[in-house]
């Protein structure tokens, strides 16, 4: 019989689930960092052409064309500029590298 009640009473004998050695940091390119940040953070509220919680990314690209600093400033200090959308929470917890990378990704790489 491969199935049944396991003979586990407690986990006292398990000292740790930690690895013996830390995992080496993963190296990612600026474009990968931008893409990971966009899909991991931004895409939860922003779709490319559709209305979600935030304005479409296509609109962001039009507003901030050639102005990645404007996107970064808005990420750090958002303001409620549209009555029909909620104010975006600050994204100032992201590293500067991640903010620069995602602004560049939105403006120069992201397509429909």
C-alpha atoms as a PDB file:
ATOM      1  CA  UNK A   1       0.000   0.000   0.000  1.00  0.00           C
ATOM      2  CA  UNK A   2       1.554   3.294  -1.135  1.00  0.00           C
ATOM      3  CA  UNK A   3      -0.925   5.444   0.732  1.00  0.00           C
ATOM      4  CA  UNK A   4      -1.887   5.622   4.343  1.00  0.00           C
ATOM      5  CA  UNK A   5      -1.376   7.566   7.505  1.00  0.00           C
ATOM      6  CA  UNK A   6       2.231   8.734   7.808  1.00  0.00           C
ATOM      7  CA  UNK A   7       4.142   7.886  10.946  1.00  0.00           C
ATOM      8  CA  UNK A   8       4.896  11.497  11.859  1.00  0.00           C
ATOM      9  CA  UNK A   9       4.211  12.678  15.375  1.00  0.00           C
ATOM     10  CA  UNK A  10       6.031  16.022  15.365  1.00  0.00           C
ATOM     11  CA  UNK A  11       8.848  17.905  13.663  1.00  0.00           C
ATOM     12  CA  UNK A  12      11.224  18.200  16.630  1.00  0.00           C
ATOM     13  CA  UNK A  13      13.869  16.131  14.870  1.00  0.00           C
ATOM     14  CA  UNK A  14      14.011  18.578  11.940  1.00  0.00           C
ATOM     15  CA  UNK A  15      16.559  21.214  12.863  1.00  0.00           C
ATOM     16  CA  UNK A  16      16.213  23.427   9.801  1.00  0.00           C
ATOM     17  CA  UNK A  17      14.990  23.674   6.260  1.00  0.00           C
ATOM     18  CA  UNK A  18      17.767  26.135   5.515  1.00  0.00           C
ATOM     19  CA  UNK A  19      20.351  25.244   2.931  1.00  0.00           C
ATOM     20  CA  UNK A  20      23.905  24.622   4.075  1.00  0.00           C
ATOM     21  CA  UNK A  21      25.134  27.493   1.912  1.00  0.00           C
ATOM     22  CA  UNK A  22      23.273  30.608   0.736  1.00  0.00           C
ATOM     23  CA  UNK A  23      22.172  30.606  -2.873  1.00  0.00           C
ATOM     24  CA  UNK A  24      24.352  32.810  -5.038  1.00  0.00           C
ATOM     25  CA  UNK A  25      22.680  36.078  -6.074  1.00  0.00           C
ATOM     26  CA  UNK A  26      21.027  35.904  -9.461  1.00  0.00           C
ATOM     27  CA  UNK A  27      22.381  38.307 -12.035  1.00  0.00           C
ATOM     28  CA  UNK A  28      19.754  39.867 -14.296  1.00  0.00           C
ATOM     29  CA  UNK A  29      20.111  42.404 -17.070  1.00  0.00           C
ATOM     30  CA  UNK A  30      18.485  45.830 -16.879  1.00  0.00           C
ATOM     31  CA  UNK A  31      15.852  44.698 -19.394  1.00  0.00           C
ATOM     32  CA  UNK A  32      15.090  41.550 -17.368  1.00  0.00           C
ATOM     33  CA  UNK A  33      14.812  43.635 -14.204  1.00  0.00           C
ATOM     34  CA  UNK A  34      12.403  45.989 -15.969  1.00  0.00           C
ATOM     35  CA  UNK A  35      10.286  43.133 -17.293  1.00  0.00           C
ATOM     36  CA  UNK A  36      10.223  41.301 -13.952  1.00  0.00           C
ATOM     37  CA  UNK A  37       9.281  44.505 -12.137  1.00  0.00           C
ATOM     38  CA  UNK A  38       6.560  45.367 -14.658  1.00  0.00           C
ATOM     39  CA  UNK A  39       4.901  41.949 -14.527  1.00  0.00           C
ATOM     40  CA  UNK A  40       5.517  41.459 -10.815  1.00  0.00           C
ATOM     41  CA  UNK A  41       4.381  44.904  -9.653  1.00  0.00           C
ATOM     42  CA  UNK A  42       2.787  47.095 -12.335  1.00  0.00           C
ATOM     43  CA  UNK A  43       0.713  44.557 -14.271  1.00  0.00           C
ATOM     44  CA  UNK A  44      -1.398  43.813 -11.211  1.00  0.00           C
ATOM     45  CA  UNK A  45      -3.147  47.155 -11.783  1.00  0.00           C
ATOM     46  CA  UNK A  46      -2.164  48.185 -15.338  1.00  0.00           C
ATOM     47  CA  UNK A  47      -3.037  46.290 -18.534  1.00  0.00           C
ATOM     48  CA  UNK A  48      -1.673  47.437 -21.889  1.00  0.00           C
ATOM     49  CA  UNK A  49      -4.909  48.704 -23.471  1.00  0.00           C
ATOM     50  CA  UNK A  50      -7.625  47.725 -21.022  1.00  0.00           C
ATOM     51  CA  UNK A  51      -8.892  49.518 -17.977  1.00  0.00           C
ATOM     52  CA  UNK A  52      -8.007  47.810 -14.733  1.00  0.00           C
ATOM     53  CA  UNK A  53      -7.417  49.489 -11.389  1.00  0.00           C
ATOM     54  CA  UNK A  54      -4.892  51.856 -12.979  1.00  0.00           C
ATOM     55  CA  UNK A  55      -4.766  53.573 -16.352  1.00  0.00           C
ATOM     56  CA  UNK A  56      -3.662  51.513 -19.362  1.00  0.00           C
ATOM     57  CA  UNK A  57       0.081  51.214 -19.904  1.00  0.00           C
ATOM     58  CA  UNK A  58      -0.450  52.501 -23.435  1.00  0.00           C
ATOM     59  CA  UNK A  59      -1.664  55.785 -21.898  1.00  0.00           C
ATOM     60  CA  UNK A  60       1.355  55.915 -19.580  1.00  0.00           C
ATOM     61  CA  UNK A  61       3.634  55.513 -22.614  1.00  0.00           C
ATOM     62  CA  UNK A  62       1.873  58.417 -24.367  1.00  0.00           C
ATOM     63  CA  UNK A  63       2.017  60.713 -21.328  1.00  0.00           C
ATOM     64  CA  UNK A  64       5.653  59.999 -20.480  1.00  0.00           C
ATOM     65  CA  UNK A  65       7.145  59.472 -23.958  1.00  0.00           C
ATOM     66  CA  UNK A  66      10.909  60.126 -23.706  1.00  0.00           C
ATOM     67  CA  UNK A  67      10.520  60.983 -20.006  1.00  0.00           C
ATOM     68  CA  UNK A  68      11.451  57.991 -17.823  1.00  0.00           C
ATOM     69  CA  UNK A  69      12.237  60.397 -14.966  1.00  0.00           C
ATOM     70  CA  UNK A  70       8.570  61.453 -15.012  1.00  0.00           C
ATOM     71  CA  UNK A  71       7.458  57.845 -14.501  1.00  0.00           C
ATOM     72  CA  UNK A  72       9.947  57.399 -11.665  1.00  0.00           C
ATOM     73  CA  UNK A  73       8.831  60.628  -9.978  1.00  0.00           C
ATOM     74  CA  UNK A  74       5.183  59.561 -10.243  1.00  0.00           C
ATOM     75  CA  UNK A  75       6.033  56.116  -8.846  1.00  0.00           C
ATOM     76  CA  UNK A  76       7.659  57.770  -5.834  1.00  0.00           C
ATOM     77  CA  UNK A  77       5.021  60.479  -5.318  1.00  0.00           C
ATOM     78  CA  UNK A  78       1.734  59.529  -7.003  1.00  0.00           C
ATOM     79  CA  UNK A  79      -1.156  61.966  -7.110  1.00  0.00           C
ATOM     80  CA  UNK A  80      -4.778  61.286  -7.895  1.00  0.00           C
ATOM     81  CA  UNK A  81      -5.022  62.951 -11.306  1.00  0.00           C
ATOM     82  CA  UNK A  82      -8.179  61.202 -12.540  1.00  0.00           C
ATOM     83  CA  UNK A  83     -11.532  61.131 -10.793  1.00  0.00           C
ATOM     84  CA  UNK A  84     -12.426  57.775 -12.328  1.00  0.00           C
ATOM     85  CA  UNK A  85      -9.294  55.986 -11.037  1.00  0.00           C
ATOM     86  CA  UNK A  86      -8.002  55.512  -7.487  1.00  0.00           C
ATOM     87  CA  UNK A  87      -4.687  57.016  -6.453  1.00  0.00           C
ATOM     88  CA  UNK A  88      -1.773  54.680  -7.012  1.00  0.00           C
ATOM     89  CA  UNK A  89       0.095  53.650  -3.863  1.00  0.00           C
ATOM     90  CA  UNK A  90       3.708  54.855  -3.745  1.00  0.00           C
ATOM     91  CA  UNK A  91       6.203  52.438  -5.252  1.00  0.00           C
ATOM     92  CA  UNK A  92       9.120  54.039  -3.407  1.00  0.00           C
ATOM     93  CA  UNK A  93      10.005  50.703  -1.813  1.00  0.00           C
ATOM     94  CA  UNK A  94      11.458  49.567  -5.160  1.00  0.00           C
ATOM     95  CA  UNK A  95      15.181  50.046  -5.683  1.00  0.00           C
ATOM     96  CA  UNK A  96      16.307  52.899  -7.915  1.00  0.00           C
ATOM     97  CA  UNK A  97      17.667  50.329 -10.361  1.00  0.00           C
ATOM     98  CA  UNK A  98      14.261  48.621 -10.542  1.00  0.00           C
ATOM     99  CA  UNK A  99      12.436  51.933 -11.066  1.00  0.00           C
ATOM    100  CA  UNK A 100      14.822  53.033 -13.822  1.00  0.00           C
ATOM    101  CA  UNK A 101      14.609  49.606 -15.451  1.00  0.00           C
ATOM    102  CA  UNK A 102      10.805  49.420 -15.381  1.00  0.00           C
ATOM    103  CA  UNK A 103      10.418  52.972 -16.723  1.00  0.00           C
ATOM    104  CA  UNK A 104      12.781  52.100 -19.582  1.00  0.00           C
ATOM    105  CA  UNK A 105      10.970  48.796 -20.163  1.00  0.00           C
ATOM    106  CA  UNK A 106       7.563  50.503 -20.344  1.00  0.00           C
ATOM    107  CA  UNK A 107       8.726  53.245 -22.698  1.00  0.00           C
ATOM    108  CA  UNK A 108      11.090  51.323 -24.974  1.00  0.00           C
ATOM    109  CA  UNK A 109      10.351  47.604 -24.901  1.00  0.00           C
ATOM    110  CA  UNK A 110       6.779  46.872 -23.856  1.00  0.00           C
ATOM    111  CA  UNK A 111       4.420  46.321 -26.768  1.00  0.00           C
ATOM    112  CA  UNK A 112       0.829  45.205 -27.039  1.00  0.00           C
END
